[in-house]
Amino acid sequence: MRAAEQAPPELGVDDLLAPLGSPGATDGRGDGDDDGEDARALARLREGLARRASAAGDLDVAYRDLDSPIGPLRLAASPAGIVRVAFAGEDGDAVLADLARRVGARVLRAAAPLDPAARELEEYFAGTRRRFDVPVDLRLAGGFRRTVLDRLRDVGYGATATYAELATAAGSPRAVRAVGSACALNPVPLFVPCHRVVRSDGTAGRYRGGEAAKAALLALEAR
């Protein structure tokens, strides 16, 4: 009796396109201009696929990278809204793998669906935007963590709240440590402003993007 054949693994669009963008996928000319044109063509192909997949409802997660004053950011969105913001210190591939597992396997690099979010972030860092209008998808946070993030959205631009105050606002005054964990695991920092939560002694405390990034954000909003 033959061993049962294993079904091939499900591949996302990025997996199918990966060979096109790999160093070995060129024709061997080794010309920098040709490599640049290949990269631009691949980007156009990805964008076209993303638009068609999004229009057909076949895209679970779109993502793009964005340079910012606090370092590179990876933005990801589901059809419901921004679902993940990752900092440079995080493993970008691991972030995408987690999104594929928890949101949906159809994950594609695509700038267009995230253009509004990128534009609002650029306005925020330029000091011309004080609140974000793009929708946020908080499906990656549940239970008490979700409650904490909902209360976090009430902390306005330029204001701060202590972990203890946020615990009280979330209905569990003694859950200060759990509030800290919810902030540390916030899947959408900046859009849900965990950088505005500080310690009771007034010091900034830790931040998923690093203490320097948190200090920079607080300084930006204090202008």
C-alpha atoms as a PDB file:
ATOM      1  CA  MET A   1       0.000   0.000   0.000  1.00  0.00           C
ATOM      2  CA  ARG A   2       1.365   3.378  -0.965  1.00  0.00           C
ATOM      3  CA  ALA A   3       1.834   5.991   1.740  1.00  0.00           C
ATOM      4  CA  ALA A   4      -0.843   8.668   1.661  1.00  0.00           C
ATOM      5  CA  GLU A   5       0.200  11.605  -0.453  1.00  0.00           C
ATOM      6  CA  GLN A   6       0.534  14.866   1.386  1.00  0.00           C
ATOM      7  CA  ALA A   7      -1.334  17.884   0.053  1.00  0.00           C
ATOM      8  CA  PRO A   8       0.978  20.688  -1.101  1.00  0.00           C
ATOM      9  CA  PRO A   9       1.225  23.633   1.312  1.00  0.00           C
ATOM     10  CA  GLU A  10      -1.034  26.597   0.616  1.00  0.00           C
ATOM     11  CA  LEU A  11       0.976  29.445  -0.898  1.00  0.00           C
ATOM     12  CA  GLY A  12       0.229  33.126  -0.704  1.00  0.00           C
ATOM     13  CA  VAL A  13       0.743  35.493  -3.629  1.00  0.00           C
ATOM     14  CA  ASP A  14       4.020  36.720  -2.132  1.00  0.00           C
ATOM     15  CA  ASP A  15       5.302  33.134  -2.078  1.00  0.00           C
ATOM     16  CA  LEU A  16       4.519  32.782  -5.781  1.00  0.00           C
ATOM     17  CA  LEU A  17       6.180  36.091  -6.629  1.00  0.00           C
ATOM     18  CA  ALA A  18       9.243  35.582  -4.443  1.00  0.00           C
ATOM     19  CA  PRO A  19      11.329  33.845  -7.160  1.00  0.00           C
ATOM     20  CA  LEU A  20      10.768  36.831  -9.456  1.00  0.00           C
ATOM     21  CA  GLY A  21      12.353  39.122  -6.935  1.00  0.00           C
ATOM     22  CA  SER A  22      15.224  36.876  -5.928  1.00  0.00           C
ATOM     23  CA  PRO A  23      18.842  37.526  -6.987  1.00  0.00           C
ATOM     24  CA  GLY A  24      18.854  34.330  -9.051  1.00  0.00           C
ATOM     25  CA  ALA A  25      15.771  35.347 -11.034  1.00  0.00           C
ATOM     26  CA  THR A  26      17.632  37.787 -13.317  1.00  0.00           C
ATOM     27  CA  ASP A  27      19.073  36.821 -16.706  1.00  0.00           C
ATOM     28  CA  GLY A  28      22.645  37.119 -15.477  1.00  0.00           C
ATOM     29  CA  ARG A  29      23.374  40.509 -17.011  1.00  0.00           C
ATOM     30  CA  GLY A  30      24.330  41.898 -13.593  1.00  0.00           C
ATOM     31  CA  ASP A  31      23.538  45.459 -14.648  1.00  0.00           C
ATOM     32  CA  GLY A  32      22.344  47.723 -11.837  1.00  0.00           C
ATOM     33  CA  ASP A  33      19.886  49.564 -14.108  1.00  0.00           C
ATOM     34  CA  ASP A  34      18.350  46.277 -15.201  1.00  0.00           C
ATOM     35  CA  ASP A  35      18.032  45.147 -11.605  1.00  0.00           C
ATOM     36  CA  GLY A  36      16.298  48.398 -10.735  1.00  0.00           C
ATOM     37  CA  GLU A  37      13.868  48.024 -13.634  1.00  0.00           C
ATOM     38  CA  ASP A  38      13.142  44.439 -12.581  1.00  0.00           C
ATOM     39  CA  ALA A  39      12.361  45.632  -9.063  1.00  0.00           C
ATOM     40  CA  ARG A  40      10.039  48.344 -10.374  1.00  0.00           C
ATOM     41  CA  ALA A  41       8.273  45.868 -12.635  1.00  0.00           C
ATOM     42  CA  LEU A  42       7.822  43.475  -9.732  1.00  0.00           C
ATOM     43  CA  ALA A  43       6.414  46.297  -7.598  1.00  0.00           C
ATOM     44  CA  ARG A  44       3.937  47.196 -10.338  1.00  0.00           C
ATOM     45  CA  LEU A  45       2.940  43.547 -10.649  1.00  0.00           C
ATOM     46  CA  ARG A  46       2.381  43.273  -6.910  1.00  0.00           C
ATOM     47  CA  GLU A  47       0.291  46.454  -6.869  1.00  0.00           C
ATOM     48  CA  GLY A  48      -1.843  45.242  -9.767  1.00  0.00           C
ATOM     49  CA  LEU A  49      -2.411  41.881  -8.106  1.00  0.00           C
ATOM     50  CA  ALA A  50      -3.223  43.606  -4.831  1.00  0.00           C
ATOM     51  CA  ARG A  51      -5.802  45.881  -6.433  1.00  0.00           C
ATOM     52  CA  ARG A  52      -7.495  42.971  -8.170  1.00  0.00           C
ATOM     53  CA  ALA A  53      -7.405  40.786  -5.068  1.00  0.00           C
ATOM     54  CA  SER A  54      -8.777  43.577  -2.901  1.00  0.00           C
ATOM     55  CA  ALA A  55     -11.562  44.380  -5.377  1.00  0.00           C
ATOM     56  CA  ALA A  56     -12.515  40.701  -5.503  1.00  0.00           C
ATOM     57  CA  GLY A  57     -12.434  40.338  -1.715  1.00  0.00           C
ATOM     58  CA  ASP A  58      -9.542  37.882  -1.992  1.00  0.00           C
ATOM     59  CA  LEU A  59      -6.997  39.764   0.148  1.00  0.00           C
ATOM     60  CA  ASP A  60      -6.845  39.062   3.879  1.00  0.00           C
ATOM     61  CA  VAL A  61      -3.946  41.367   4.760  1.00  0.00           C
ATOM     62  CA  ALA A  62      -2.170  44.108   2.824  1.00  0.00           C
ATOM     63  CA  TYR A  63       1.131  45.420   4.131  1.00  0.00           C
ATOM     64  CA  ARG A  64       3.746  48.033   3.340  1.00  0.00           C
ATOM     65  CA  ASP A  65       6.818  49.584   4.934  1.00  0.00           C
ATOM     66  CA  LEU A  66       7.067  53.249   5.848  1.00  0.00           C
ATOM     67  CA  ASP A  67      10.048  55.347   6.930  1.00  0.00           C
ATOM     68  CA  SER A  68       9.355  57.561   9.931  1.00  0.00           C
ATOM     69  CA  PRO A  69      11.251  59.808  12.373  1.00  0.00           C
ATOM     70  CA  ILE A  70      11.220  56.944  14.902  1.00  0.00           C
ATOM     71  CA  GLY A  71      12.510  54.378  12.414  1.00  0.00           C
ATOM     72  CA  PRO A  72      11.010  52.087   9.775  1.00  0.00           C
ATOM     73  CA  LEU A  73       7.447  50.926  10.386  1.00  0.00           C
ATOM     74  CA  ARG A  74       5.629  47.964   8.881  1.00  0.00           C
ATOM     75  CA  LEU A  75       1.915  48.680   8.455  1.00  0.00           C
ATOM     76  CA  ALA A  76      -0.645  45.950   7.860  1.00  0.00           C
ATOM     77  CA  ALA A  77      -4.377  46.214   7.268  1.00  0.00           C
ATOM     78  CA  SER A  78      -7.282  43.826   6.961  1.00  0.00           C
ATOM     79  CA  PRO A  79     -10.442  44.844   5.093  1.00  0.00           C
ATOM     80  CA  ALA A  80     -11.715  46.108   8.480  1.00  0.00           C
ATOM     81  CA  GLY A  81      -8.805  48.482   9.169  1.00  0.00           C
ATOM     82  CA  ILE A  82      -5.243  48.771  10.449  1.00  0.00           C
ATOM     83  CA  VAL A  83      -4.506  45.474  12.146  1.00  0.00           C
ATOM     84  CA  ARG A  84      -0.776  45.679  12.906  1.00  0.00           C
ATOM     85  CA  VAL A  85       2.021  48.233  13.211  1.00  0.00           C
ATOM     86  CA  ALA A  86       5.494  46.781  13.710  1.00  0.00           C
ATOM     87  CA  PHE A  87       8.696  48.597  14.632  1.00  0.00           C
ATOM     88  CA  ALA A  88      12.187  48.023  13.253  1.00  0.00           C
ATOM     89  CA  GLY A  89      13.168  45.934  16.274  1.00  0.00           C
ATOM     90  CA  GLU A  90      10.531  43.327  15.465  1.00  0.00           C
ATOM     91  CA  ASP A  91      11.016  40.435  13.054  1.00  0.00           C
ATOM     92  CA  GLY A  92       9.072  41.521   9.979  1.00  0.00           C
ATOM     93  CA  ASP A  93       8.761  38.000   8.576  1.00  0.00           C
ATOM     94  CA  ALA A  94       7.502  36.705  11.919  1.00  0.00           C
ATOM     95  CA  VAL A  95       4.919  39.514  12.001  1.00  0.00           C
ATOM     96  CA  LEU A  96       3.625  38.467   8.567  1.00  0.00           C
ATOM     97  CA  ALA A  97       3.570  34.795   9.552  1.00  0.00           C
ATOM     98  CA  ASP A  98       1.556  35.642  12.660  1.00  0.00           C
ATOM     99  CA  LEU A  99      -0.917  37.675  10.580  1.00  0.00           C
ATOM    100  CA  ALA A 100      -1.270  34.800   8.119  1.00  0.00           C
ATOM    101  CA  ARG A 101      -2.053  32.462  11.003  1.00  0.00           C
ATOM    102  CA  ARG A 102      -4.407  34.727  12.949  1.00  0.00           C
ATOM    103  CA  VAL A 103      -6.071  36.857  10.274  1.00  0.00           C
ATOM    104  CA  GLY A 104      -5.801  35.012   6.963  1.00  0.00           C
ATOM    105  CA  ALA A 105      -3.267  33.329   4.718  1.00  0.00           C
ATOM    106  CA  ARG A 106      -3.732  35.719   1.781  1.00  0.00           C
ATOM    107  CA  VAL A 107      -1.070  38.282   2.743  1.00  0.00           C
ATOM    108  CA  LEU A 108       0.333  40.593   0.077  1.00  0.00           C
ATOM    109  CA  ARG A 109       2.684  43.570  -0.018  1.00  0.00           C
ATOM    110  CA  ALA A 110       0.495  46.375  -1.358  1.00  0.00           C
ATOM    111  CA  ALA A 111       0.914  50.091  -0.792  1.00  0.00           C
ATOM    112  CA  ALA A 112      -2.383  51.399  -2.126  1.00  0.00           C
ATOM    113  CA  PRO A 113      -4.703  50.007   0.577  1.00  0.00           C
ATOM    114  CA  LEU A 114      -2.431  51.569   3.205  1.00  0.00           C
ATOM    115  CA  ASP A 115      -1.902  54.943   1.539  1.00  0.00           C
ATOM    116  CA  PRO A 116      -4.475  56.723   3.768  1.00  0.00           C
ATOM    117  CA  ALA A 117      -2.814  55.369   6.925  1.00  0.00           C
ATOM    118  CA  ALA A 118       0.661  56.287   5.670  1.00  0.00           C
ATOM    119  CA  ARG A 119      -0.523  59.796   4.810  1.00  0.00           C
ATOM    120  CA  GLU A 120      -2.069  60.292   8.255  1.00  0.00           C
ATOM    121  CA  LEU A 121       1.126  59.104   9.940  1.00  0.00           C
ATOM    122  CA  GLU A 122       3.204  61.511   7.877  1.00  0.00           C
ATOM    123  CA  GLU A 123       0.865  64.353   8.886  1.00  0.00           C
ATOM    124  CA  TYR A 124       1.108  63.270  12.523  1.00  0.00           C
ATOM    125  CA  PHE A 125       4.902  63.303  12.487  1.00  0.00           C
ATOM    126  CA  ALA A 126       4.820  66.693  10.745  1.00  0.00           C
ATOM    127  CA  GLY A 127       2.730  68.049  13.625  1.00  0.00           C
ATOM    128  CA  THR A 128      -0.355  68.778  11.514  1.00  0.00           C
ATOM    129  CA  ARG A 129      -2.560  65.885  12.671  1.00  0.00           C
ATOM    130  CA  ARG A 130      -3.708  65.220  16.227  1.00  0.00           C
ATOM    131  CA  ARG A 131      -6.042  62.284  15.728  1.00  0.00           C
ATOM    132  CA  PHE A 132      -6.255  59.408  13.287  1.00  0.00           C
ATOM    133  CA  ASP A 133      -9.333  58.826  11.176  1.00  0.00           C
ATOM    134  CA  VAL A 134      -8.473  55.534   9.473  1.00  0.00           C
ATOM    135  CA  PRO A 135     -10.345  52.528  10.899  1.00  0.00           C
ATOM    136  CA  VAL A 136      -8.524  50.180  13.242  1.00  0.00           C
ATOM    137  CA  ASP A 137      -9.045  46.420  13.471  1.00  0.00           C
ATOM    138  CA  LEU A 138      -8.399  45.225  17.041  1.00  0.00           C
ATOM    139  CA  ARG A 139      -9.074  41.543  16.452  1.00  0.00           C
ATOM    140  CA  LEU A 140      -5.575  40.630  17.686  1.00  0.00           C
ATOM    141  CA  ALA A 141      -6.454  41.855  21.182  1.00  0.00           C
ATOM    142  CA  GLY A 142      -9.132  40.197  23.265  1.00  0.00           C
ATOM    143  CA  GLY A 143     -10.596  40.199  26.760  1.00  0.00           C
ATOM    144  CA  PHE A 144      -9.133  42.680  29.210  1.00  0.00           C
ATOM    145  CA  ARG A 145      -6.421  43.687  26.741  1.00  0.00           C
ATOM    146  CA  ARG A 146      -9.117  44.842  24.319  1.00  0.00           C
ATOM    147  CA  THR A 147     -10.812  46.830  27.085  1.00  0.00           C
ATOM    148  CA  VAL A 148      -7.528  48.552  27.899  1.00  0.00           C
ATOM    149  CA  LEU A 149      -6.974  49.485  24.244  1.00  0.00           C
ATOM    150  CA  ASP A 150     -10.501  50.868  23.998  1.00  0.00           C
ATOM    151  CA  ARG A 151      -9.823  53.096  27.019  1.00  0.00           C
ATOM    152  CA  LEU A 152      -6.429  54.070  25.585  1.00  0.00           C
ATOM    153  CA  ARG A 153      -8.161  55.700  22.648  1.00  0.00           C
ATOM    154  CA  ASP A 154      -9.701  58.185  25.080  1.00  0.00           C
ATOM    155  CA  VAL A 155      -6.257  59.558  26.018  1.00  0.00           C
ATOM    156  CA  GLY A 156      -5.957  62.558  23.729  1.00  0.00           C
ATOM    157  CA  TYR A 157      -3.052  64.117  21.886  1.00  0.00           C
ATOM    158  CA  GLY A 158      -0.591  65.772  24.263  1.00  0.00           C
ATOM    159  CA  ALA A 159      -2.153  64.136  27.331  1.00  0.00           C
ATOM    160  CA  THR A 160      -0.866  61.217  29.372  1.00  0.00           C
ATOM    161  CA  ALA A 161      -2.365  58.684  31.776  1.00  0.00           C
ATOM    162  CA  THR A 162      -0.651  56.462  34.300  1.00  0.00           C
ATOM    163  CA  TYR A 163      -0.908  52.694  34.193  1.00  0.00           C
ATOM    164  CA  ALA A 164      -2.904  52.874  37.432  1.00  0.00           C
ATOM    165  CA  GLU A 165      -5.330  55.417  35.982  1.00  0.00           C
ATOM    166  CA  LEU A 166      -5.830  53.291  32.908  1.00  0.00           C
ATOM    167  CA  ALA A 167      -6.477  50.223  35.051  1.00  0.00           C
ATOM    168  CA  THR A 168      -9.196  52.137  36.885  1.00  0.00           C
ATOM    169  CA  ALA A 169     -10.693  53.367  33.618  1.00  0.00           C
ATOM    170  CA  ALA A 170     -10.743  49.763  32.366  1.00  0.00           C
ATOM    171  CA  GLY A 171     -12.698  48.703  35.455  1.00  0.00           C
ATOM    172  CA  SER A 172      -9.939  46.823  37.301  1.00  0.00           C
ATOM    173  CA  PRO A 173      -8.008  49.262  39.531  1.00  0.00           C
ATOM    174  CA  ARG A 174      -5.665  46.553  40.797  1.00  0.00           C
ATOM    175  CA  ALA A 175      -4.745  45.250  37.332  1.00  0.00           C
ATOM    176  CA  VAL A 176      -1.839  47.643  36.798  1.00  0.00           C
ATOM    177  CA  ARG A 177       0.505  44.884  35.655  1.00  0.00           C
ATOM    178  CA  ALA A 178      -2.086  43.592  33.180  1.00  0.00           C
ATOM    179  CA  VAL A 179      -2.431  47.113  31.783  1.00  0.00           C
ATOM    180  CA  GLY A 180       1.327  47.182  31.250  1.00  0.00           C
ATOM    181  CA  SER A 181       1.115  43.898  29.348  1.00  0.00           C
ATOM    182  CA  ALA A 182      -1.752  45.195  27.224  1.00  0.00           C
ATOM    183  CA  CYS A 183       0.283  48.260  26.287  1.00  0.00           C
ATOM    184  CA  ALA A 184       3.382  46.187  25.560  1.00  0.00           C
ATOM    185  CA  LEU A 185       1.402  43.880  23.268  1.00  0.00           C
ATOM    186  CA  ASN A 186      -0.660  46.602  21.597  1.00  0.00           C
ATOM    187  CA  PRO A 187      -0.841  45.444  17.954  1.00  0.00           C
ATOM    188  CA  VAL A 188      -1.481  48.933  16.575  1.00  0.00           C
ATOM    189  CA  PRO A 189       0.755  51.435  18.410  1.00  0.00           C
ATOM    190  CA  LEU A 190       0.494  55.070  17.289  1.00  0.00           C
ATOM    191  CA  PHE A 191      -3.081  54.526  16.094  1.00  0.00           C
ATOM    192  CA  VAL A 192      -3.935  53.324  19.609  1.00  0.00           C
ATOM    193  CA  PRO A 193      -1.578  55.572  21.597  1.00  0.00           C
ATOM    194  CA  CYS A 194       0.062  53.394  24.238  1.00  0.00           C
ATOM    195  CA  HIS A 195       3.010  55.830  24.181  1.00  0.00           C
ATOM    196  CA  ARG A 196       0.808  58.182  26.245  1.00  0.00           C
ATOM    197  CA  VAL A 197       0.787  55.815  29.225  1.00  0.00           C
ATOM    198  CA  VAL A 198       3.447  56.627  31.824  1.00  0.00           C
ATOM    199  CA  ARG A 199       4.475  55.461  35.255  1.00  0.00           C
ATOM    200  CA  SER A 200       3.027  56.953  38.407  1.00  0.00           C
ATOM    201  CA  ASP A 201       6.339  58.665  39.166  1.00  0.00           C
ATOM    202  CA  GLY A 202       6.127  60.529  35.854  1.00  0.00           C
ATOM    203  CA  THR A 203       8.817  58.586  34.022  1.00  0.00           C
ATOM    204  CA  ALA A 204       7.936  57.335  30.581  1.00  0.00           C
ATOM    205  CA  GLY A 205       8.360  53.598  31.078  1.00  0.00           C
ATOM    206  CA  ARG A 206       8.957  51.007  28.402  1.00  0.00           C
ATOM    207  CA  TYR A 207       7.591  50.926  24.876  1.00  0.00           C
ATOM    208  CA  ARG A 208       7.330  48.341  22.128  1.00  0.00           C
ATOM    209  CA  GLY A 209       9.190  50.640  19.758  1.00  0.00           C
ATOM    210  CA  GLY A 210      11.917  51.422  22.292  1.00  0.00           C
ATOM    211  CA  GLU A 211      12.273  54.036  25.008  1.00  0.00           C
ATOM    212  CA  ALA A 212      13.843  56.561  22.605  1.00  0.00           C
ATOM    213  CA  ALA A 213      10.829  56.315  20.292  1.00  0.00           C
ATOM    214  CA  LYS A 214       8.441  56.823  23.200  1.00  0.00           C
ATOM    215  CA  ALA A 215      10.353  59.894  24.366  1.00  0.00           C
ATOM    216  CA  ALA A 216      10.310  61.282  20.812  1.00  0.00           C
ATOM    217  CA  LEU A 217       6.547  60.817  20.497  1.00  0.00           C
ATOM    218  CA  LEU A 218       5.853  62.468  23.842  1.00  0.00           C
ATOM    219  CA  ALA A 219       8.147  65.362  22.895  1.00  0.00           C
ATOM    220  CA  LEU A 220       6.379  65.736  19.534  1.00  0.00           C
ATOM    221  CA  GLU A 221       2.998  66.016  21.218  1.00  0.00           C
ATOM    222  CA  ALA A 222       4.288  68.433  23.856  1.00  0.00           C
ATOM    223  CA  ARG A 223       5.211  71.102  21.271  1.00  0.00           C
END
